[in-house]
Amino acid sequence: MKRMLGLLLAASLALGATRAPAAPAAVVEGVQMPAWVERAGKQMPAAAGMELIATDTLRTGAGARLYVKLSEGSLVKLGENASLQLLDVAPERGGVFKAALSVLTGAFRFTTDVLAKPRRRDVKLTISTVTIGIRGTDLWGRSVKENEIVCLIEGAIEVGAAGEKPIVMDQPRQFYQREKGKTLPLAVIDAKRLAELSAETEIESGKGASRRGGKWQLTLGHAETREAALAMQEQLHSAGYAAELRASKAGEKRLHVVRIAHLPSKAEAEALGAQLRGRYGVAEPKVSR
């Protein structure tokens, strides 16, 4: 009898596993707002935990940062006033994760954590006319006004412009630059310069960034009618802030609350509240958990 029950339990678990939803190929890991996702001609604010699909375009505003986590463990970071298109991104096929990403403008970083490095990947990343072949590495780059740069931090990559033979970069801090259609000789930058570049894509502490899994929230306002709350939410959405609506009650009154969730700490929630106070209809933001 015990053996039969064990077999039935094992079969039930196996069936549940086959029916479990597949993990998203990419998800928004963190956002230092304002930032947006453009999908099928529509624009929405980027929110921590948002699942992304192929053809999505991600865009950051002034002072913003955006982190995208790929399902195989790599992290793509965007600096301010940057734009990235997910040309192709899907869960692993045949044991290999494949993706094609295009940095339209701004600074980015592609990095793979230690646990994810052994996984097989084939990622092609383009910045303007330059293509980068990635198997699992750490690199930084930027595309601004006919000036494309790529700096290798760790690992090895192939970098090449259209019509040119790719260059292998396999030494830390090697620096590739293409300026106004001309590829310059490969150089090496010092650690200080690399730290300065890397800071352009790092979420800054105390700037009110949201993170996937964050437990704190910021209430921005409330209204007795859904229409009034929606009007406030739309202002925030247009400005690149991922505000959401929640129903609540105050005594006998039903209220519609506008809030931003997924904030990682009280300090970050307070910092975001200070930024938004007096803007987009936000009067007295309140922090809670």
C-alpha atoms as a PDB file:
ATOM      1  CA  MET A   1       0.000   0.000   0.000  1.00  0.00           C
ATOM      2  CA  LYS A   2       2.784   2.403   0.947  1.00  0.00           C
ATOM      3  CA  ARG A   3       4.565   1.604  -2.305  1.00  0.00           C
ATOM      4  CA  MET A   4       1.398   2.350  -4.274  1.00  0.00           C
ATOM      5  CA  LEU A   5       0.892   5.672  -2.489  1.00  0.00           C
ATOM      6  CA  GLY A   6       4.497   6.581  -3.172  1.00  0.00           C
ATOM      7  CA  LEU A   7       4.120   5.836  -6.872  1.00  0.00           C
ATOM      8  CA  LEU A   8       0.924   7.885  -7.060  1.00  0.00           C
ATOM      9  CA  LEU A   9       2.616  10.822  -5.320  1.00  0.00           C
ATOM     10  CA  ALA A  10       5.603  10.674  -7.658  1.00  0.00           C
ATOM     11  CA  ALA A  11       3.305  10.580 -10.694  1.00  0.00           C
ATOM     12  CA  SER A  12       1.320  13.530  -9.364  1.00  0.00           C
ATOM     13  CA  LEU A  13       4.476  15.587  -8.830  1.00  0.00           C
ATOM     14  CA  ALA A  14       5.766  14.729 -12.308  1.00  0.00           C
ATOM     15  CA  LEU A  15       2.449  15.745 -13.868  1.00  0.00           C
ATOM     16  CA  GLY A  16       2.483  19.011 -11.934  1.00  0.00           C
ATOM     17  CA  ALA A  17       6.005  19.725 -13.122  1.00  0.00           C
ATOM     18  CA  THR A  18       5.030  19.241 -16.769  1.00  0.00           C
ATOM     19  CA  ARG A  19       2.142  21.641 -16.339  1.00  0.00           C
ATOM     20  CA  ALA A  20       4.176  24.308 -14.518  1.00  0.00           C
ATOM     21  CA  PRO A  21       4.392  27.547 -16.491  1.00  0.00           C
ATOM     22  CA  ALA A  22       7.693  28.164 -18.231  1.00  0.00           C
ATOM     23  CA  ALA A  23       9.910  30.844 -16.728  1.00  0.00           C
ATOM     24  CA  PRO A  24       9.877  34.099 -18.706  1.00  0.00           C
ATOM     25  CA  ALA A  25      12.805  34.573 -21.052  1.00  0.00           C
ATOM     26  CA  ALA A  26      13.473  38.028 -19.604  1.00  0.00           C
ATOM     27  CA  VAL A  27      12.149  40.087 -16.707  1.00  0.00           C
ATOM     28  CA  VAL A  28      12.691  43.600 -15.339  1.00  0.00           C
ATOM     29  CA  GLU A  29      14.952  43.097 -12.328  1.00  0.00           C
ATOM     30  CA  GLY A  30      15.196  46.694 -11.106  1.00  0.00           C
ATOM     31  CA  VAL A  31      14.253  50.225 -12.153  1.00  0.00           C
ATOM     32  CA  GLN A  32      15.566  53.633 -11.205  1.00  0.00           C
ATOM     33  CA  MET A  33      12.683  55.570 -12.754  1.00  0.00           C
ATOM     34  CA  PRO A  34      11.675  57.039 -15.159  1.00  0.00           C
ATOM     35  CA  ALA A  35      11.710  54.165 -17.637  1.00  0.00           C
ATOM     36  CA  TRP A  36       9.329  52.688 -20.199  1.00  0.00           C
ATOM     37  CA  VAL A  37       8.611  49.532 -22.183  1.00  0.00           C
ATOM     38  CA  GLU A  38       7.249  49.936 -25.714  1.00  0.00           C
ATOM     39  CA  ARG A  39       5.253  46.963 -26.981  1.00  0.00           C
ATOM     40  CA  ALA A  40       3.099  46.653 -30.119  1.00  0.00           C
ATOM     41  CA  GLY A  41       2.982  50.419 -30.537  1.00  0.00           C
ATOM     42  CA  LYS A  42       1.999  51.088 -26.930  1.00  0.00           C
ATOM     43  CA  GLN A  43       4.102  52.589 -24.151  1.00  0.00           C
ATOM     44  CA  MET A  44       3.941  51.551 -20.490  1.00  0.00           C
ATOM     45  CA  PRO A  45       6.162  52.272 -17.487  1.00  0.00           C
ATOM     46  CA  ALA A  46       8.809  49.644 -16.741  1.00  0.00           C
ATOM     47  CA  ALA A  47       7.998  47.900 -13.460  1.00  0.00           C
ATOM     48  CA  ALA A  48      10.128  45.569 -11.349  1.00  0.00           C
ATOM     49  CA  GLY A  49       9.003  42.007 -12.029  1.00  0.00           C
ATOM     50  CA  MET A  50       7.506  42.799 -15.459  1.00  0.00           C
ATOM     51  CA  GLU A  51       7.884  39.927 -17.919  1.00  0.00           C
ATOM     52  CA  LEU A  52       9.403  40.920 -21.263  1.00  0.00           C
ATOM     53  CA  ILE A  53       8.967  39.450 -24.720  1.00  0.00           C
ATOM     54  CA  ALA A  54      10.752  39.603 -28.071  1.00  0.00           C
ATOM     55  CA  THR A  55      10.212  42.913 -29.933  1.00  0.00           C
ATOM     56  CA  ASP A  56       9.914  44.894 -26.666  1.00  0.00           C
ATOM     57  CA  THR A  57      11.890  48.140 -26.636  1.00  0.00           C
ATOM     58  CA  LEU A  58      13.099  49.428 -23.269  1.00  0.00           C
ATOM     59  CA  ARG A  59      13.869  53.088 -22.742  1.00  0.00           C
ATOM     60  CA  THR A  60      15.240  55.090 -19.810  1.00  0.00           C
ATOM     61  CA  GLY A  61      14.916  58.796 -19.055  1.00  0.00           C
ATOM     62  CA  ALA A  62      17.260  61.330 -17.497  1.00  0.00           C
ATOM     63  CA  GLY A  63      19.011  59.993 -14.398  1.00  0.00           C
ATOM     64  CA  ALA A  64      17.411  56.560 -14.822  1.00  0.00           C
ATOM     65  CA  ARG A  65      18.754  53.004 -14.770  1.00  0.00           C
ATOM     66  CA  LEU A  66      17.128  49.719 -15.812  1.00  0.00           C
ATOM     67  CA  TYR A  67      18.157  46.099 -15.141  1.00  0.00           C
ATOM     68  CA  VAL A  68      16.876  43.189 -17.267  1.00  0.00           C
ATOM     69  CA  LYS A  69      17.439  39.629 -16.055  1.00  0.00           C
ATOM     70  CA  LEU A  70      17.651  36.948 -18.756  1.00  0.00           C
ATOM     71  CA  SER A  71      16.378  33.475 -17.887  1.00  0.00           C
ATOM     72  CA  GLU A  72      19.851  31.901 -18.191  1.00  0.00           C
ATOM     73  CA  GLY A  73      21.217  34.175 -15.464  1.00  0.00           C
ATOM     74  CA  SER A  74      22.778  37.130 -17.289  1.00  0.00           C
ATOM     75  CA  LEU A  75      21.926  40.723 -16.435  1.00  0.00           C
ATOM     76  CA  VAL A  76      21.645  43.579 -18.934  1.00  0.00           C
ATOM     77  CA  LYS A  77      21.991  47.038 -17.391  1.00  0.00           C
ATOM     78  CA  LEU A  78      20.986  50.300 -19.079  1.00  0.00           C
ATOM     79  CA  GLY A  79      22.158  53.779 -18.158  1.00  0.00           C
ATOM     80  CA  GLU A  80      20.215  57.017 -18.507  1.00  0.00           C
ATOM     81  CA  ASN A  81      18.658  58.088 -21.811  1.00  0.00           C
ATOM     82  CA  ALA A  82      19.301  54.636 -23.237  1.00  0.00           C
ATOM     83  CA  SER A  83      17.237  52.394 -25.483  1.00  0.00           C
ATOM     84  CA  LEU A  84      17.427  48.621 -25.942  1.00  0.00           C
ATOM     85  CA  GLN A  85      15.371  46.392 -28.247  1.00  0.00           C
ATOM     86  CA  LEU A  86      14.870  42.685 -27.599  1.00  0.00           C
ATOM     87  CA  LEU A  87      15.007  41.389 -31.162  1.00  0.00           C
ATOM     88  CA  ASP A  88      14.812  37.752 -30.091  1.00  0.00           C
ATOM     89  CA  VAL A  89      14.742  36.314 -26.618  1.00  0.00           C
ATOM     90  CA  ALA A  90      13.307  32.949 -25.625  1.00  0.00           C
ATOM     91  CA  PRO A  91      13.814  30.188 -23.054  1.00  0.00           C
ATOM     92  CA  GLU A  92      16.540  27.644 -23.724  1.00  0.00           C
ATOM     93  CA  ARG A  93      16.231  25.611 -26.925  1.00  0.00           C
ATOM     94  CA  GLY A  94      18.304  22.447 -27.256  1.00  0.00           C
ATOM     95  CA  GLY A  95      20.209  23.298 -24.098  1.00  0.00           C
ATOM     96  CA  VAL A  96      21.399  26.661 -25.461  1.00  0.00           C
ATOM     97  CA  PHE A  97      19.935  30.029 -24.515  1.00  0.00           C
ATOM     98  CA  LYS A  98      19.758  32.262 -27.592  1.00  0.00           C
ATOM     99  CA  ALA A  99      19.032  35.969 -27.772  1.00  0.00           C
ATOM    100  CA  ALA A 100      19.542  38.943 -30.068  1.00  0.00           C
ATOM    101  CA  LEU A 101      19.656  42.377 -28.459  1.00  0.00           C
ATOM    102  CA  SER A 102      20.129  45.803 -30.025  1.00  0.00           C
ATOM    103  CA  VAL A 103      21.331  48.844 -28.101  1.00  0.00           C
ATOM    104  CA  LEU A 104      19.842  51.744 -30.008  1.00  0.00           C
ATOM    105  CA  THR A 105      21.470  54.450 -27.906  1.00  0.00           C
ATOM    106  CA  GLY A 106      23.103  55.024 -24.532  1.00  0.00           C
ATOM    107  CA  ALA A 107      25.273  52.991 -22.157  1.00  0.00           C
ATOM    108  CA  PHE A 108      24.798  49.320 -21.286  1.00  0.00           C
ATOM    109  CA  ARG A 109      26.483  46.486 -19.438  1.00  0.00           C
ATOM    110  CA  PHE A 110      26.106  42.754 -20.020  1.00  0.00           C
ATOM    111  CA  THR A 111      27.239  40.647 -17.104  1.00  0.00           C
ATOM    112  CA  THR A 112      26.880  36.987 -16.117  1.00  0.00           C
ATOM    113  CA  ASP A 113      26.969  35.907 -12.468  1.00  0.00           C
ATOM    114  CA  VAL A 114      29.239  33.110 -11.278  1.00  0.00           C
ATOM    115  CA  LEU A 115      26.520  30.439 -11.020  1.00  0.00           C
ATOM    116  CA  ALA A 116      25.250  31.127 -14.548  1.00  0.00           C
ATOM    117  CA  LYS A 117      28.630  31.101 -16.320  1.00  0.00           C
ATOM    118  CA  PRO A 118      28.702  27.339 -17.057  1.00  0.00           C
ATOM    119  CA  ARG A 119      25.369  27.527 -18.909  1.00  0.00           C
ATOM    120  CA  ARG A 120      25.479  27.502 -22.698  1.00  0.00           C
ATOM    121  CA  ARG A 121      24.427  30.724 -24.394  1.00  0.00           C
ATOM    122  CA  ASP A 122      24.550  32.351 -27.798  1.00  0.00           C
ATOM    123  CA  VAL A 123      23.818  36.060 -27.472  1.00  0.00           C
ATOM    124  CA  LYS A 124      24.303  38.543 -30.285  1.00  0.00           C
ATOM    125  CA  LEU A 125      24.337  42.167 -29.231  1.00  0.00           C
ATOM    126  CA  THR A 126      24.515  45.071 -31.666  1.00  0.00           C
ATOM    127  CA  ILE A 127      25.234  48.735 -31.039  1.00  0.00           C
ATOM    128  CA  SER A 128      24.588  50.737 -34.196  1.00  0.00           C
ATOM    129  CA  THR A 129      26.790  49.072 -36.880  1.00  0.00           C
ATOM    130  CA  VAL A 130      28.873  47.036 -34.393  1.00  0.00           C
ATOM    131  CA  THR A 131      28.047  43.400 -33.535  1.00  0.00           C
ATOM    132  CA  ILE A 132      29.246  41.594 -30.401  1.00  0.00           C
ATOM    133  CA  GLY A 133      29.213  37.803 -30.057  1.00  0.00           C
ATOM    134  CA  ILE A 134      28.772  36.685 -26.441  1.00  0.00           C
ATOM    135  CA  ARG A 135      29.106  33.217 -24.920  1.00  0.00           C
ATOM    136  CA  GLY A 136      29.283  34.260 -21.268  1.00  0.00           C
ATOM    137  CA  THR A 137      31.246  37.273 -20.148  1.00  0.00           C
ATOM    138  CA  ASP A 138      31.211  40.772 -18.664  1.00  0.00           C
ATOM    139  CA  LEU A 139      31.378  43.832 -20.897  1.00  0.00           C
ATOM    140  CA  TRP A 140      30.374  47.487 -21.027  1.00  0.00           C
ATOM    141  CA  GLY A 141      29.495  49.641 -24.027  1.00  0.00           C
ATOM    142  CA  ARG A 142      27.929  52.832 -25.262  1.00  0.00           C
ATOM    143  CA  SER A 143      26.441  54.212 -28.474  1.00  0.00           C
ATOM    144  CA  VAL A 144      26.054  57.980 -28.822  1.00  0.00           C
ATOM    145  CA  LYS A 145      26.127  60.114 -31.991  1.00  0.00           C
ATOM    146  CA  GLU A 146      28.172  57.899 -34.342  1.00  0.00           C
ATOM    147  CA  ASN A 147      30.509  56.896 -31.545  1.00  0.00           C
ATOM    148  CA  GLU A 148      30.374  53.261 -30.423  1.00  0.00           C
ATOM    149  CA  ILE A 149      32.622  51.857 -27.718  1.00  0.00           C
ATOM    150  CA  VAL A 150      32.945  48.410 -26.160  1.00  0.00           C
ATOM    151  CA  CYS A 151      35.071  47.637 -23.113  1.00  0.00           C
ATOM    152  CA  LEU A 152      35.748  44.056 -22.055  1.00  0.00           C
ATOM    153  CA  ILE A 153      35.667  43.539 -18.286  1.00  0.00           C
ATOM    154  CA  GLU A 154      36.075  39.764 -18.132  1.00  0.00           C
ATOM    155  CA  GLY A 155      35.984  36.790 -20.506  1.00  0.00           C
ATOM    156  CA  ALA A 156      36.265  36.919 -24.300  1.00  0.00           C
ATOM    157  CA  ILE A 157      34.150  38.387 -27.107  1.00  0.00           C
ATOM    158  CA  GLU A 158      34.250  38.996 -30.835  1.00  0.00           C
ATOM    159  CA  VAL A 159      33.516  42.548 -31.955  1.00  0.00           C
ATOM    160  CA  GLY A 160      33.181  43.766 -35.519  1.00  0.00           C
ATOM    161  CA  ALA A 161      31.520  46.377 -37.703  1.00  0.00           C
ATOM    162  CA  ALA A 162      29.656  45.537 -40.912  1.00  0.00           C
ATOM    163  CA  GLY A 163      32.125  44.689 -43.693  1.00  0.00           C
ATOM    164  CA  GLU A 164      35.069  44.312 -41.312  1.00  0.00           C
ATOM    165  CA  LYS A 165      36.767  41.230 -39.891  1.00  0.00           C
ATOM    166  CA  PRO A 166      35.734  40.690 -36.235  1.00  0.00           C
ATOM    167  CA  ILE A 167      38.294  41.475 -33.557  1.00  0.00           C
ATOM    168  CA  VAL A 168      38.811  39.034 -30.680  1.00  0.00           C
ATOM    169  CA  MET A 169      38.954  40.751 -27.280  1.00  0.00           C
ATOM    170  CA  ASP A 170      40.205  38.469 -24.497  1.00  0.00           C
ATOM    171  CA  GLN A 171      42.122  40.734 -22.110  1.00  0.00           C
ATOM    172  CA  PRO A 172      40.510  42.706 -19.248  1.00  0.00           C
ATOM    173  CA  ARG A 173      39.895  46.417 -19.986  1.00  0.00           C
ATOM    174  CA  GLN A 174      40.514  46.100 -23.726  1.00  0.00           C
ATOM    175  CA  PHE A 175      38.762  49.026 -25.367  1.00  0.00           C
ATOM    176  CA  TYR A 176      37.189  48.985 -28.844  1.00  0.00           C
ATOM    177  CA  GLN A 177      36.060  52.261 -30.392  1.00  0.00           C
ATOM    178  CA  ARG A 178      34.412  53.170 -33.688  1.00  0.00           C
ATOM    179  CA  GLU A 179      34.045  56.864 -34.391  1.00  0.00           C
ATOM    180  CA  LYS A 180      32.120  58.327 -37.333  1.00  0.00           C
ATOM    181  CA  GLY A 181      32.329  55.084 -39.284  1.00  0.00           C
ATOM    182  CA  LYS A 182      36.016  54.439 -38.608  1.00  0.00           C
ATOM    183  CA  THR A 183      37.335  51.691 -36.316  1.00  0.00           C
ATOM    184  CA  LEU A 184      40.224  52.861 -34.139  1.00  0.00           C
ATOM    185  CA  PRO A 185      43.117  50.635 -32.970  1.00  0.00           C
ATOM    186  CA  LEU A 186      42.332  48.448 -29.963  1.00  0.00           C
ATOM    187  CA  ALA A 187      43.455  50.029 -26.678  1.00  0.00           C
ATOM    188  CA  VAL A 188      43.526  49.237 -22.949  1.00  0.00           C
ATOM    189  CA  ILE A 189      42.058  51.593 -20.342  1.00  0.00           C
ATOM    190  CA  ASP A 190      43.022  51.793 -16.663  1.00  0.00           C
ATOM    191  CA  ALA A 191      40.908  50.552 -13.766  1.00  0.00           C
ATOM    192  CA  LYS A 192      39.880  54.069 -12.742  1.00  0.00           C
ATOM    193  CA  ARG A 193      38.435  54.832 -16.164  1.00  0.00           C
ATOM    194  CA  LEU A 194      36.605  51.514 -16.207  1.00  0.00           C
ATOM    195  CA  ALA A 195      35.059  52.301 -12.797  1.00  0.00           C
ATOM    196  CA  GLU A 196      33.856  55.652 -14.137  1.00  0.00           C
ATOM    197  CA  LEU A 197      32.237  53.997 -17.151  1.00  0.00           C
ATOM    198  CA  SER A 198      30.651  51.223 -15.079  1.00  0.00           C
ATOM    199  CA  ALA A 199      28.985  53.762 -12.777  1.00  0.00           C
ATOM    200  CA  GLU A 200      26.910  54.985 -15.725  1.00  0.00           C
ATOM    201  CA  THR A 201      24.867  51.763 -15.691  1.00  0.00           C
ATOM    202  CA  GLU A 202      24.634  51.071 -11.941  1.00  0.00           C
ATOM    203  CA  ILE A 203      21.457  51.721  -9.954  1.00  0.00           C
ATOM    204  CA  GLU A 204      22.355  54.392  -7.417  1.00  0.00           C
ATOM    205  CA  SER A 205      21.578  53.956  -3.735  1.00  0.00           C
ATOM    206  CA  GLY A 206      19.097  56.465  -2.341  1.00  0.00           C
ATOM    207  CA  LYS A 207      17.489  57.327  -5.695  1.00  0.00           C
ATOM    208  CA  GLY A 208      14.211  55.470  -5.057  1.00  0.00           C
ATOM    209  CA  ALA A 209      14.767  52.454  -7.307  1.00  0.00           C
ATOM    210  CA  SER A 210      12.356  49.520  -7.263  1.00  0.00           C
ATOM    211  CA  ARG A 211      13.596  45.914  -7.224  1.00  0.00           C
ATOM    212  CA  ARG A 212      11.986  42.606  -8.027  1.00  0.00           C
ATOM    213  CA  GLY A 213      10.870  41.119  -4.719  1.00  0.00           C
ATOM    214  CA  GLY A 214      10.909  44.476  -2.893  1.00  0.00           C
ATOM    215  CA  LYS A 215       8.452  44.515   0.060  1.00  0.00           C
ATOM    216  CA  TRP A 216       7.975  48.253   0.636  1.00  0.00           C
ATOM    217  CA  GLN A 217       5.463  50.480  -1.117  1.00  0.00           C
ATOM    218  CA  LEU A 218       4.777  54.165  -1.574  1.00  0.00           C
ATOM    219  CA  THR A 219       1.207  55.436  -1.551  1.00  0.00           C
ATOM    220  CA  LEU A 220       1.037  58.491  -3.793  1.00  0.00           C
ATOM    221  CA  GLY A 221      -2.599  59.435  -3.331  1.00  0.00           C
ATOM    222  CA  HIS A 222      -6.162  58.199  -3.284  1.00  0.00           C
ATOM    223  CA  ALA A 223      -9.556  59.169  -4.672  1.00  0.00           C
ATOM    224  CA  GLU A 224     -13.172  58.257  -4.101  1.00  0.00           C
ATOM    225  CA  THR A 225     -13.741  57.646  -7.799  1.00  0.00           C
ATOM    226  CA  ARG A 226     -11.819  55.300 -10.049  1.00  0.00           C
ATOM    227  CA  GLU A 227     -11.763  57.957 -12.774  1.00  0.00           C
ATOM    228  CA  ALA A 228      -9.899  60.431 -10.554  1.00  0.00           C
ATOM    229  CA  ALA A 229      -7.389  57.774  -9.492  1.00  0.00           C
ATOM    230  CA  LEU A 230      -6.872  56.720 -13.123  1.00  0.00           C
ATOM    231  CA  ALA A 231      -6.154  60.325 -14.108  1.00  0.00           C
ATOM    232  CA  MET A 232      -3.362  60.471 -11.531  1.00  0.00           C
ATOM    233  CA  GLN A 233      -2.038  57.070 -12.560  1.00  0.00           C
ATOM    234  CA  GLU A 234      -1.932  58.097 -16.220  1.00  0.00           C
ATOM    235  CA  GLN A 235       0.144  61.175 -15.380  1.00  0.00           C
ATOM    236  CA  LEU A 236       2.656  58.992 -13.566  1.00  0.00           C
ATOM    237  CA  HIS A 237       2.684  56.364 -16.335  1.00  0.00           C
ATOM    238  CA  SER A 238       3.383  58.977 -18.999  1.00  0.00           C
ATOM    239  CA  ALA A 239       6.258  60.257 -16.876  1.00  0.00           C
ATOM    240  CA  GLY A 240       7.738  56.729 -16.589  1.00  0.00           C
ATOM    241  CA  TYR A 241       6.677  55.772 -13.048  1.00  0.00           C
ATOM    242  CA  ALA A 242       5.062  52.349 -12.548  1.00  0.00           C
ATOM    243  CA  ALA A 243       2.085  53.381 -10.413  1.00  0.00           C
ATOM    244  CA  GLU A 244      -0.665  50.842  -9.802  1.00  0.00           C
ATOM    245  CA  LEU A 245      -4.233  51.051  -8.491  1.00  0.00           C
ATOM    246  CA  ARG A 246      -5.564  49.238  -5.444  1.00  0.00           C
ATOM    247  CA  ALA A 247      -9.024  49.336  -3.855  1.00  0.00           C
ATOM    248  CA  SER A 248      -9.222  50.202  -0.158  1.00  0.00           C
ATOM    249  CA  LYS A 249     -11.742  51.272   2.485  1.00  0.00           C
ATOM    250  CA  ALA A 250     -11.727  54.141   4.993  1.00  0.00           C
ATOM    251  CA  GLY A 251     -14.672  53.543   7.288  1.00  0.00           C
ATOM    252  CA  GLU A 252     -17.653  53.236   5.013  1.00  0.00           C
ATOM    253  CA  LYS A 253     -15.889  54.899   2.090  1.00  0.00           C
ATOM    254  CA  ARG A 254     -14.400  52.933  -0.762  1.00  0.00           C
ATOM    255  CA  LEU A 255     -11.146  54.472  -1.966  1.00  0.00           C
ATOM    256  CA  HIS A 256      -8.955  53.935  -5.021  1.00  0.00           C
ATOM    257  CA  VAL A 257      -5.309  54.064  -3.991  1.00  0.00           C
ATOM    258  CA  VAL A 258      -2.430  54.953  -6.336  1.00  0.00           C
ATOM    259  CA  ARG A 259       0.873  53.428  -5.275  1.00  0.00           C
ATOM    260  CA  ILE A 260       4.301  52.230  -6.397  1.00  0.00           C
ATOM    261  CA  ALA A 261       5.303  48.803  -5.072  1.00  0.00           C
ATOM    262  CA  HIS A 262       8.434  46.589  -5.084  1.00  0.00           C
ATOM    263  CA  LEU A 263      10.636  49.074  -3.240  1.00  0.00           C
ATOM    264  CA  PRO A 264      13.491  47.272  -1.452  1.00  0.00           C
ATOM    265  CA  SER A 265      13.720  49.384   1.702  1.00  0.00           C
ATOM    266  CA  LYS A 266      12.087  52.170   3.671  1.00  0.00           C
ATOM    267  CA  ALA A 267      14.933  54.504   2.716  1.00  0.00           C
ATOM    268  CA  GLU A 268      14.416  53.901  -1.021  1.00  0.00           C
ATOM    269  CA  ALA A 269      10.652  54.401  -0.660  1.00  0.00           C
ATOM    270  CA  GLU A 270      11.211  57.685   1.189  1.00  0.00           C
ATOM    271  CA  ALA A 271      13.682  58.835  -1.464  1.00  0.00           C
ATOM    272  CA  LEU A 272      11.156  58.163  -4.216  1.00  0.00           C
ATOM    273  CA  GLY A 273       8.457  59.976  -2.247  1.00  0.00           C
ATOM    274  CA  ALA A 274      10.700  63.023  -1.943  1.00  0.00           C
ATOM    275  CA  GLN A 275      11.259  63.015  -5.716  1.00  0.00           C
ATOM    276  CA  LEU A 276       7.536  62.843  -6.520  1.00  0.00           C
ATOM    277  CA  ARG A 277       6.129  65.157  -3.857  1.00  0.00           C
ATOM    278  CA  GLY A 278       4.453  68.105  -5.569  1.00  0.00           C
ATOM    279  CA  ARG A 279       4.570  66.462  -9.033  1.00  0.00           C
ATOM    280  CA  TYR A 280       1.976  64.545 -11.078  1.00  0.00           C
ATOM    281  CA  GLY A 281      -0.732  65.233  -8.502  1.00  0.00           C
ATOM    282  CA  VAL A 282       1.283  63.722  -5.631  1.00  0.00           C
ATOM    283  CA  ALA A 283       0.814  65.752  -2.438  1.00  0.00           C
ATOM    284  CA  GLU A 284       1.848  63.725   0.645  1.00  0.00           C
ATOM    285  CA  PRO A 285       3.280  60.314  -0.285  1.00  0.00           C
ATOM    286  CA  LYS A 286       3.262  57.713   2.499  1.00  0.00           C
ATOM    287  CA  VAL A 287       5.614  54.777   2.998  1.00  0.00           C
ATOM    288  CA  SER A 288       4.349  51.399   4.223  1.00  0.00           C
ATOM    289  CA  ARG A 289       5.179  47.732   4.147  1.00  0.00           C
END
